[in-house]
């Protein structure tokens, strides 16, 4: 079994060093708790609600930043462990809303968010590559970020690429919902996991930042589509012990296969 930790943090916009220290402390605690895979929020290093592109640029880091090497050293102490961390990336004279997959050997992949939400489009350049699926000691880990989860074509691509676990750093703004209902994005994650028989760990953020309240919707869904754990208000960790390679069995009965029963010959309009 693989122990997953989805960590809900409260980054402070513009406070790179403070946020780095919070991520480091959370990673230490999660590893001490036996975590094999740790997921932290979108833009965890920088905060989210920027006043300007210049402010975002002031806290953007490159994928070879020493912070990643420091996290890799912590991961190396627990053989095979993995960190998925959201950060503002400076590259190619542009800024990207990115997530890195880090192991004890360093950064294994960087994903740049393709589907930018609202005012993110005024700060970041959208990515132009498919989400990576990284082979780890615990299984295949795919990565996307927040709003990407709401595009079934995109999550299906990750599943078809063989991901056992989809790790999703998120920043979900709080929206209206009926009493006793889950956060809408959590319901999307549940449906996505069930449709693809693929586990999903999503790390949301907490608190209020420059007038924006957050959903605090961190959780983990098994490949069977059942929610295993959530965090709720404030900071905290959702935990789950999952058999990640079991995600590869797409059969639901002797005559039902989630991938084998697809009809891509009829899906042409989706390519338009």
C-alpha atoms as a PDB file:
ATOM      1  CA  UNK A   1       0.000   0.000   0.000  1.00  0.00           C
ATOM      2  CA  UNK A   2       1.075   3.563  -0.692  1.00  0.00           C
ATOM      3  CA  UNK A   3       0.436   6.221   1.966  1.00  0.00           C
ATOM      4  CA  UNK A   4      -0.768   9.467   0.399  1.00  0.00           C
ATOM      5  CA  UNK A   5      -0.786  12.842   2.148  1.00  0.00           C
ATOM      6  CA  UNK A   6      -2.658  15.795   0.626  1.00  0.00           C
ATOM      7  CA  UNK A   7      -1.620  18.858   2.598  1.00  0.00           C
ATOM      8  CA  UNK A   8      -3.801  21.954   2.997  1.00  0.00           C
ATOM      9  CA  UNK A   9      -1.680  25.045   3.611  1.00  0.00           C
ATOM     10  CA  UNK A  10      -2.248  28.795   3.849  1.00  0.00           C
ATOM     11  CA  UNK A  11       0.419  30.474   1.699  1.00  0.00           C
ATOM     12  CA  UNK A  12       0.869  34.237   1.979  1.00  0.00           C
ATOM     13  CA  UNK A  13       1.071  36.078  -1.316  1.00  0.00           C
ATOM     14  CA  UNK A  14       4.526  37.492  -1.983  1.00  0.00           C
ATOM     15  CA  UNK A  15       6.182  35.702   0.972  1.00  0.00           C
ATOM     16  CA  UNK A  16       8.481  33.251  -0.824  1.00  0.00           C
ATOM     17  CA  UNK A  17      10.745  32.431   2.124  1.00  0.00           C
ATOM     18  CA  UNK A  18       7.877  32.114   4.582  1.00  0.00           C
ATOM     19  CA  UNK A  19       5.939  29.839   2.222  1.00  0.00           C
ATOM     20  CA  UNK A  20       9.027  27.725   1.518  1.00  0.00           C
ATOM     21  CA  UNK A  21       9.503  27.179   5.248  1.00  0.00           C
ATOM     22  CA  UNK A  22       5.842  26.159   5.628  1.00  0.00           C
ATOM     23  CA  UNK A  23       6.110  23.651   2.775  1.00  0.00           C
ATOM     24  CA  UNK A  24       9.320  22.245   4.242  1.00  0.00           C
ATOM     25  CA  UNK A  25       7.759  21.828   7.690  1.00  0.00           C
ATOM     26  CA  UNK A  26       4.681  20.177   6.185  1.00  0.00           C
ATOM     27  CA  UNK A  27       6.844  17.807   4.143  1.00  0.00           C
ATOM     28  CA  UNK A  28       8.870  16.826   7.219  1.00  0.00           C
ATOM     29  CA  UNK A  29       5.689  16.136   9.184  1.00  0.00           C
ATOM     30  CA  UNK A  30       4.105  14.138   6.377  1.00  0.00           C
ATOM     31  CA  UNK A  31       7.209  12.002   5.893  1.00  0.00           C
ATOM     32  CA  UNK A  32       7.391  11.439   9.652  1.00  0.00           C
ATOM     33  CA  UNK A  33       3.787  10.243   9.423  1.00  0.00           C
ATOM     34  CA  UNK A  34       4.785   7.636   6.866  1.00  0.00           C
ATOM     35  CA  UNK A  35       3.778   9.436   3.675  1.00  0.00           C
ATOM     36  CA  UNK A  36       5.070   8.018   0.405  1.00  0.00           C
ATOM     37  CA  UNK A  37       3.464  10.678  -1.797  1.00  0.00           C
ATOM     38  CA  UNK A  38       2.914  14.247  -0.579  1.00  0.00           C
ATOM     39  CA  UNK A  39       0.851  16.813  -2.497  1.00  0.00           C
ATOM     40  CA  UNK A  40       0.753  20.515  -1.565  1.00  0.00           C
ATOM     41  CA  UNK A  41      -1.344  23.333  -3.073  1.00  0.00           C
ATOM     42  CA  UNK A  42      -1.179  25.283  -6.301  1.00  0.00           C
ATOM     43  CA  UNK A  43       1.261  28.224  -6.159  1.00  0.00           C
ATOM     44  CA  UNK A  44       2.225  27.112  -2.669  1.00  0.00           C
ATOM     45  CA  UNK A  45       5.561  28.926  -2.851  1.00  0.00           C
ATOM     46  CA  UNK A  46       4.179  32.285  -3.936  1.00  0.00           C
ATOM     47  CA  UNK A  47       0.551  32.777  -2.989  1.00  0.00           C
ATOM     48  CA  UNK A  48      -2.133  33.369  -5.602  1.00  0.00           C
ATOM     49  CA  UNK A  49      -3.838  36.791  -5.694  1.00  0.00           C
ATOM     50  CA  UNK A  50      -1.167  38.964  -7.291  1.00  0.00           C
ATOM     51  CA  UNK A  51      -1.541  42.713  -7.693  1.00  0.00           C
ATOM     52  CA  UNK A  52       0.567  42.713 -10.852  1.00  0.00           C
ATOM     53  CA  UNK A  53       2.770  40.669 -13.141  1.00  0.00           C
ATOM     54  CA  UNK A  54       5.776  42.306 -11.499  1.00  0.00           C
ATOM     55  CA  UNK A  55       4.703  41.069  -8.088  1.00  0.00           C
ATOM     56  CA  UNK A  56       4.328  37.544  -9.428  1.00  0.00           C
ATOM     57  CA  UNK A  57       7.722  37.767 -11.117  1.00  0.00           C
ATOM     58  CA  UNK A  58       9.327  38.811  -7.826  1.00  0.00           C
ATOM     59  CA  UNK A  59       8.430  35.453  -6.245  1.00  0.00           C
ATOM     60  CA  UNK A  60       8.706  33.216  -9.322  1.00  0.00           C
ATOM     61  CA  UNK A  61      11.455  30.580  -9.273  1.00  0.00           C
ATOM     62  CA  UNK A  62      13.079  28.358 -11.856  1.00  0.00           C
ATOM     63  CA  UNK A  63      12.791  24.586 -11.916  1.00  0.00           C
ATOM     64  CA  UNK A  64      16.464  24.327 -10.901  1.00  0.00           C
ATOM     65  CA  UNK A  65      15.974  26.537  -7.823  1.00  0.00           C
ATOM     66  CA  UNK A  66      17.864  25.252  -4.725  1.00  0.00           C
ATOM     67  CA  UNK A  67      14.558  24.838  -2.880  1.00  0.00           C
ATOM     68  CA  UNK A  68      13.800  21.755  -4.937  1.00  0.00           C
ATOM     69  CA  UNK A  69      17.188  20.252  -4.097  1.00  0.00           C
ATOM     70  CA  UNK A  70      16.515  20.859  -0.403  1.00  0.00           C
ATOM     71  CA  UNK A  71      13.169  19.065  -0.636  1.00  0.00           C
ATOM     72  CA  UNK A  72      14.845  16.249  -2.568  1.00  0.00           C
ATOM     73  CA  UNK A  73      17.269  15.730   0.314  1.00  0.00           C
ATOM     74  CA  UNK A  74      14.351  15.329   2.717  1.00  0.00           C
ATOM     75  CA  UNK A  75      12.687  12.872   0.339  1.00  0.00           C
ATOM     76  CA  UNK A  76      15.894  10.860  -0.021  1.00  0.00           C
ATOM     77  CA  UNK A  77      15.719  10.037   3.686  1.00  0.00           C
ATOM     78  CA  UNK A  78      12.512   8.075   3.019  1.00  0.00           C
ATOM     79  CA  UNK A  79      13.323   5.879   0.070  1.00  0.00           C
ATOM     80  CA  UNK A  80      11.017   6.276  -2.919  1.00  0.00           C
ATOM     81  CA  UNK A  81       8.984   9.179  -1.529  1.00  0.00           C
ATOM     82  CA  UNK A  82       7.519  11.805  -3.862  1.00  0.00           C
ATOM     83  CA  UNK A  83       6.517  15.467  -3.514  1.00  0.00           C
ATOM     84  CA  UNK A  84       4.170  17.293  -5.896  1.00  0.00           C
ATOM     85  CA  UNK A  85       4.380  21.039  -5.271  1.00  0.00           C
ATOM     86  CA  UNK A  86       2.793  24.021  -7.001  1.00  0.00           C
ATOM     87  CA  UNK A  87       4.977  27.043  -7.760  1.00  0.00           C
ATOM     88  CA  UNK A  88       5.164  30.190  -9.873  1.00  0.00           C
ATOM     89  CA  UNK A  89       7.742  29.308 -12.510  1.00  0.00           C
ATOM     90  CA  UNK A  90      10.035  31.758 -14.287  1.00  0.00           C
ATOM     91  CA  UNK A  91      11.116  30.380 -17.665  1.00  0.00           C
ATOM     92  CA  UNK A  92      11.491  31.460 -21.277  1.00  0.00           C
ATOM     93  CA  UNK A  93      10.981  35.120 -20.325  1.00  0.00           C
ATOM     94  CA  UNK A  94       7.495  34.177 -19.160  1.00  0.00           C
ATOM     95  CA  UNK A  95       5.677  33.118 -16.010  1.00  0.00           C
ATOM     96  CA  UNK A  96       3.874  29.801 -15.657  1.00  0.00           C
ATOM     97  CA  UNK A  97       1.559  28.362 -13.034  1.00  0.00           C
ATOM     98  CA  UNK A  98       3.476  25.110 -12.582  1.00  0.00           C
ATOM     99  CA  UNK A  99       3.803  21.977 -10.494  1.00  0.00           C
ATOM    100  CA  UNK A 100       6.958  19.937  -9.970  1.00  0.00           C
ATOM    101  CA  UNK A 101       7.280  16.230  -9.243  1.00  0.00           C
ATOM    102  CA  UNK A 102      10.237  15.823  -6.894  1.00  0.00           C
ATOM    103  CA  UNK A 103      11.908  12.649  -5.602  1.00  0.00           C
ATOM    104  CA  UNK A 104      15.091  11.979  -3.690  1.00  0.00           C
ATOM    105  CA  UNK A 105      16.880  12.257  -7.039  1.00  0.00           C
ATOM    106  CA  UNK A 106      15.576  15.775  -7.721  1.00  0.00           C
ATOM    107  CA  UNK A 107      12.929  17.222 -10.028  1.00  0.00           C
ATOM    108  CA  UNK A 108      11.538  14.496 -12.278  1.00  0.00           C
ATOM    109  CA  UNK A 109       8.991  16.552 -14.220  1.00  0.00           C
ATOM    110  CA  UNK A 110       7.404  19.998 -14.377  1.00  0.00           C
ATOM    111  CA  UNK A 111       3.864  20.571 -15.591  1.00  0.00           C
ATOM    112  CA  UNK A 112       2.664  24.009 -16.702  1.00  0.00           C
ATOM    113  CA  UNK A 113      -1.046  24.624 -16.199  1.00  0.00           C
ATOM    114  CA  UNK A 114      -2.853  24.616 -19.531  1.00  0.00           C
ATOM    115  CA  UNK A 115      -6.338  25.785 -18.507  1.00  0.00           C
ATOM    116  CA  UNK A 116      -5.827  29.116 -16.758  1.00  0.00           C
ATOM    117  CA  UNK A 117      -8.617  30.360 -14.530  1.00  0.00           C
ATOM    118  CA  UNK A 118      -9.964  33.908 -14.720  1.00  0.00           C
ATOM    119  CA  UNK A 119      -7.294  36.529 -13.905  1.00  0.00           C
ATOM    120  CA  UNK A 120      -4.504  33.959 -14.038  1.00  0.00           C
ATOM    121  CA  UNK A 121      -4.596  34.747 -17.767  1.00  0.00           C
ATOM    122  CA  UNK A 122      -3.335  38.252 -16.977  1.00  0.00           C
ATOM    123  CA  UNK A 123      -0.257  36.905 -15.173  1.00  0.00           C
ATOM    124  CA  UNK A 124       0.716  33.516 -16.592  1.00  0.00           C
ATOM    125  CA  UNK A 125       1.338  32.012 -19.993  1.00  0.00           C
ATOM    126  CA  UNK A 126      -0.625  28.777 -20.503  1.00  0.00           C
ATOM    127  CA  UNK A 127       1.343  25.577 -20.844  1.00  0.00           C
ATOM    128  CA  UNK A 128       1.428  23.806 -24.199  1.00  0.00           C
ATOM    129  CA  UNK A 129       2.332  20.226 -23.222  1.00  0.00           C
ATOM    130  CA  UNK A 130       0.357  17.262 -21.967  1.00  0.00           C
ATOM    131  CA  UNK A 131       0.509  16.407 -18.269  1.00  0.00           C
ATOM    132  CA  UNK A 132       3.471  14.197 -17.352  1.00  0.00           C
ATOM    133  CA  UNK A 133       3.014  10.728 -15.912  1.00  0.00           C
ATOM    134  CA  UNK A 134       6.053   9.869 -13.801  1.00  0.00           C
ATOM    135  CA  UNK A 135       7.073   6.315 -12.955  1.00  0.00           C
ATOM    136  CA  UNK A 136       7.854   6.234  -9.230  1.00  0.00           C
ATOM    137  CA  UNK A 137       8.674   3.560  -6.683  1.00  0.00           C
ATOM    138  CA  UNK A 138       4.985   3.516  -5.715  1.00  0.00           C
ATOM    139  CA  UNK A 139       3.328   3.674  -9.117  1.00  0.00           C
ATOM    140  CA  UNK A 140       2.670   6.084 -11.943  1.00  0.00           C
ATOM    141  CA  UNK A 141       1.906   9.621 -10.793  1.00  0.00           C
ATOM    142  CA  UNK A 142       0.234  12.069 -13.173  1.00  0.00           C
ATOM    143  CA  UNK A 143      -0.018  15.803 -12.499  1.00  0.00           C
ATOM    144  CA  UNK A 144      -2.341  18.633 -13.414  1.00  0.00           C
ATOM    145  CA  UNK A 145      -3.418  21.814 -11.645  1.00  0.00           C
ATOM    146  CA  UNK A 146      -6.775  23.011 -10.294  1.00  0.00           C
ATOM    147  CA  UNK A 147      -9.026  24.171 -13.200  1.00  0.00           C
ATOM    148  CA  UNK A 148      -7.463  21.473 -15.418  1.00  0.00           C
ATOM    149  CA  UNK A 149      -9.569  18.963 -13.447  1.00  0.00           C
ATOM    150  CA  UNK A 150     -12.747  20.412 -14.940  1.00  0.00           C
ATOM    151  CA  UNK A 151     -11.866  19.343 -18.486  1.00  0.00           C
ATOM    152  CA  UNK A 152     -12.702  15.639 -18.917  1.00  0.00           C
ATOM    153  CA  UNK A 153     -10.656  15.445 -22.107  1.00  0.00           C
ATOM    154  CA  UNK A 154      -7.576  16.453 -20.117  1.00  0.00           C
ATOM    155  CA  UNK A 155      -8.060  14.093 -17.192  1.00  0.00           C
ATOM    156  CA  UNK A 156      -8.814  11.260 -19.617  1.00  0.00           C
ATOM    157  CA  UNK A 157      -5.476  11.909 -21.323  1.00  0.00           C
ATOM    158  CA  UNK A 158      -3.724  11.422 -17.978  1.00  0.00           C
ATOM    159  CA  UNK A 159      -5.616   8.176 -17.367  1.00  0.00           C
ATOM    160  CA  UNK A 160      -4.902   6.850 -20.865  1.00  0.00           C
ATOM    161  CA  UNK A 161      -1.217   7.630 -20.302  1.00  0.00           C
ATOM    162  CA  UNK A 162      -1.292   5.096 -17.463  1.00  0.00           C
ATOM    163  CA  UNK A 163      -1.495   7.204 -14.304  1.00  0.00           C
ATOM    164  CA  UNK A 164      -2.313   5.260 -11.146  1.00  0.00           C
ATOM    165  CA  UNK A 165      -2.634   8.467  -9.132  1.00  0.00           C
ATOM    166  CA  UNK A 166      -3.506  11.931 -10.364  1.00  0.00           C
ATOM    167  CA  UNK A 167      -1.934  14.565  -8.083  1.00  0.00           C
ATOM    168  CA  UNK A 168      -3.648  17.940  -8.325  1.00  0.00           C
ATOM    169  CA  UNK A 169      -2.390  21.028  -6.502  1.00  0.00           C
ATOM    170  CA  UNK A 170      -5.363  23.412  -6.345  1.00  0.00           C
ATOM    171  CA  UNK A 171      -6.557  26.841  -5.206  1.00  0.00           C
ATOM    172  CA  UNK A 172     -10.368  26.615  -5.287  1.00  0.00           C
ATOM    173  CA  UNK A 173     -12.137  29.929  -4.590  1.00  0.00           C
ATOM    174  CA  UNK A 174     -15.112  29.532  -2.277  1.00  0.00           C
ATOM    175  CA  UNK A 175     -18.416  29.637  -4.153  1.00  0.00           C
ATOM    176  CA  UNK A 176     -22.068  29.302  -3.168  1.00  0.00           C
ATOM    177  CA  UNK A 177     -23.462  25.803  -2.661  1.00  0.00           C
ATOM    178  CA  UNK A 178     -26.490  24.246  -0.982  1.00  0.00           C
ATOM    179  CA  UNK A 179     -26.226  23.267   2.660  1.00  0.00           C
ATOM    180  CA  UNK A 180     -24.566  19.906   3.298  1.00  0.00           C
ATOM    181  CA  UNK A 181     -23.203  19.684  -0.252  1.00  0.00           C
ATOM    182  CA  UNK A 182     -19.545  19.048  -1.001  1.00  0.00           C
ATOM    183  CA  UNK A 183     -17.377  21.585  -2.772  1.00  0.00           C
ATOM    184  CA  UNK A 184     -18.287  21.341  -6.477  1.00  0.00           C
ATOM    185  CA  UNK A 185     -14.698  20.655  -7.519  1.00  0.00           C
ATOM    186  CA  UNK A 186     -14.504  17.769  -5.060  1.00  0.00           C
ATOM    187  CA  UNK A 187     -17.545  16.231  -6.719  1.00  0.00           C
ATOM    188  CA  UNK A 188     -15.812  16.601 -10.087  1.00  0.00           C
ATOM    189  CA  UNK A 189     -12.760  14.787  -8.702  1.00  0.00           C
ATOM    190  CA  UNK A 190     -14.956  11.965  -7.374  1.00  0.00           C
ATOM    191  CA  UNK A 191     -16.633  11.510 -10.760  1.00  0.00           C
ATOM    192  CA  UNK A 192     -13.302  11.706 -12.599  1.00  0.00           C
ATOM    193  CA  UNK A 193     -11.762   9.037 -10.388  1.00  0.00           C
ATOM    194  CA  UNK A 194     -14.693   6.697 -10.894  1.00  0.00           C
ATOM    195  CA  UNK A 195     -14.928   7.211 -14.669  1.00  0.00           C
ATOM    196  CA  UNK A 196     -11.233   6.480 -15.131  1.00  0.00           C
ATOM    197  CA  UNK A 197     -10.641   4.076 -12.225  1.00  0.00           C
ATOM    198  CA  UNK A 198      -7.749   6.341 -11.198  1.00  0.00           C
ATOM    199  CA  UNK A 199      -7.011   7.621  -7.697  1.00  0.00           C
ATOM    200  CA  UNK A 200      -6.884  11.402  -7.241  1.00  0.00           C
ATOM    201  CA  UNK A 201      -5.228  13.456  -4.481  1.00  0.00           C
ATOM    202  CA  UNK A 202      -6.048  17.170  -4.477  1.00  0.00           C
ATOM    203  CA  UNK A 203      -4.359  19.659  -2.149  1.00  0.00           C
ATOM    204  CA  UNK A 204      -6.358  22.874  -1.738  1.00  0.00           C
ATOM    205  CA  UNK A 205      -5.419  25.952   0.254  1.00  0.00           C
ATOM    206  CA  UNK A 206      -6.940  27.608   3.315  1.00  0.00           C
ATOM    207  CA  UNK A 207      -7.677  31.064   4.627  1.00  0.00           C
ATOM    208  CA  UNK A 208      -8.455  34.361   2.906  1.00  0.00           C
ATOM    209  CA  UNK A 209      -6.072  36.178   0.578  1.00  0.00           C
ATOM    210  CA  UNK A 210      -6.732  39.762  -0.505  1.00  0.00           C
ATOM    211  CA  UNK A 211     -10.469  39.305  -0.156  1.00  0.00           C
ATOM    212  CA  UNK A 212     -10.626  35.857  -1.750  1.00  0.00           C
ATOM    213  CA  UNK A 213     -11.940  33.046   0.454  1.00  0.00           C
ATOM    214  CA  UNK A 214     -10.892  29.484  -0.358  1.00  0.00           C
ATOM    215  CA  UNK A 215     -12.979  26.324  -0.436  1.00  0.00           C
ATOM    216  CA  UNK A 216     -10.530  24.356   1.764  1.00  0.00           C
ATOM    217  CA  UNK A 217     -11.505  21.266  -0.192  1.00  0.00           C
ATOM    218  CA  UNK A 218      -8.403  19.083   0.190  1.00  0.00           C
ATOM    219  CA  UNK A 219      -9.045  15.363  -0.104  1.00  0.00           C
ATOM    220  CA  UNK A 220      -8.180  11.987  -1.599  1.00  0.00           C
ATOM    221  CA  UNK A 221     -10.411   9.784  -3.757  1.00  0.00           C
ATOM    222  CA  UNK A 222      -9.706   6.117  -4.408  1.00  0.00           C
ATOM    223  CA  UNK A 223      -9.811   4.632  -7.897  1.00  0.00           C
ATOM    224  CA  UNK A 224     -13.240   3.261  -6.996  1.00  0.00           C
ATOM    225  CA  UNK A 225     -14.571   6.815  -6.783  1.00  0.00           C
ATOM    226  CA  UNK A 226     -15.095   6.886  -3.028  1.00  0.00           C
ATOM    227  CA  UNK A 227     -13.770   9.780  -0.985  1.00  0.00           C
ATOM    228  CA  UNK A 228     -11.229   8.440   1.532  1.00  0.00           C
ATOM    229  CA  UNK A 229     -10.388  11.552   3.550  1.00  0.00           C
ATOM    230  CA  UNK A 230     -10.812  15.324   3.633  1.00  0.00           C
ATOM    231  CA  UNK A 231      -9.431  18.189   5.714  1.00  0.00           C
ATOM    232  CA  UNK A 232     -12.125  20.836   6.166  1.00  0.00           C
ATOM    233  CA  UNK A 233     -11.523  24.372   7.500  1.00  0.00           C
ATOM    234  CA  UNK A 234      -7.982  25.475   8.316  1.00  0.00           C
ATOM    235  CA  UNK A 235      -4.699  23.779   7.616  1.00  0.00           C
ATOM    236  CA  UNK A 236      -4.291  20.028   7.871  1.00  0.00           C
ATOM    237  CA  UNK A 237      -3.634  16.781   6.030  1.00  0.00           C
ATOM    238  CA  UNK A 238      -5.873  14.262   4.259  1.00  0.00           C
ATOM    239  CA  UNK A 239      -4.496  10.721   4.465  1.00  0.00           C
ATOM    240  CA  UNK A 240      -5.174   7.532   2.541  1.00  0.00           C
ATOM    241  CA  UNK A 241      -3.471   4.179   2.096  1.00  0.00           C
ATOM    242  CA  UNK A 242      -4.047   3.063  -1.499  1.00  0.00           C
ATOM    243  CA  UNK A 243      -2.987   0.181  -3.727  1.00  0.00           C
ATOM    244  CA  UNK A 244      -1.959   2.402  -6.624  1.00  0.00           C
ATOM    245  CA  UNK A 245      -1.174  -0.303  -9.228  1.00  0.00           C
ATOM    246  CA  UNK A 246      -4.743  -1.579  -8.726  1.00  0.00           C
ATOM    247  CA  UNK A 247      -5.845   1.507 -10.684  1.00  0.00           C
ATOM    248  CA  UNK A 248      -4.631  -0.255 -13.842  1.00  0.00           C
ATOM    249  CA  UNK A 249      -7.478  -2.767 -13.812  1.00  0.00           C
ATOM    250  CA  UNK A 250     -10.252  -0.995 -15.714  1.00  0.00           C
ATOM    251  CA  UNK A 251     -12.643  -3.936 -15.618  1.00  0.00           C
ATOM    252  CA  UNK A 252     -15.872  -3.487 -13.680  1.00  0.00           C
ATOM    253  CA  UNK A 253     -17.259  -6.912 -14.498  1.00  0.00           C
ATOM    254  CA  UNK A 254     -16.547  -9.808 -16.852  1.00  0.00           C
ATOM    255  CA  UNK A 255     -18.066  -7.836 -19.726  1.00  0.00           C
ATOM    256  CA  UNK A 256     -17.339  -4.243 -18.710  1.00  0.00           C
ATOM    257  CA  UNK A 257     -14.025  -2.436 -19.251  1.00  0.00           C
ATOM    258  CA  UNK A 258     -13.868   1.333 -18.788  1.00  0.00           C
ATOM    259  CA  UNK A 259     -11.261   1.764 -21.499  1.00  0.00           C
ATOM    260  CA  UNK A 260     -12.059  -1.214 -23.700  1.00  0.00           C
ATOM    261  CA  UNK A 261     -15.680  -0.100 -24.036  1.00  0.00           C
ATOM    262  CA  UNK A 262     -14.797   3.367 -25.320  1.00  0.00           C
ATOM    263  CA  UNK A 263     -15.775   4.269 -28.890  1.00  0.00           C
ATOM    264  CA  UNK A 264     -13.066   6.665 -30.102  1.00  0.00           C
ATOM    265  CA  UNK A 265     -14.252   6.079 -33.667  1.00  0.00           C
ATOM    266  CA  UNK A 266     -17.319   8.174 -32.754  1.00  0.00           C
ATOM    267  CA  UNK A 267     -15.576  10.868 -30.747  1.00  0.00           C
ATOM    268  CA  UNK A 268     -14.323  12.967 -33.655  1.00  0.00           C
ATOM    269  CA  UNK A 269     -16.176  16.172 -32.617  1.00  0.00           C
ATOM    270  CA  UNK A 270     -14.112  16.257 -29.416  1.00  0.00           C
ATOM    271  CA  UNK A 271     -11.051  16.969 -31.544  1.00  0.00           C
ATOM    272  CA  UNK A 272     -12.593  20.129 -32.992  1.00  0.00           C
END
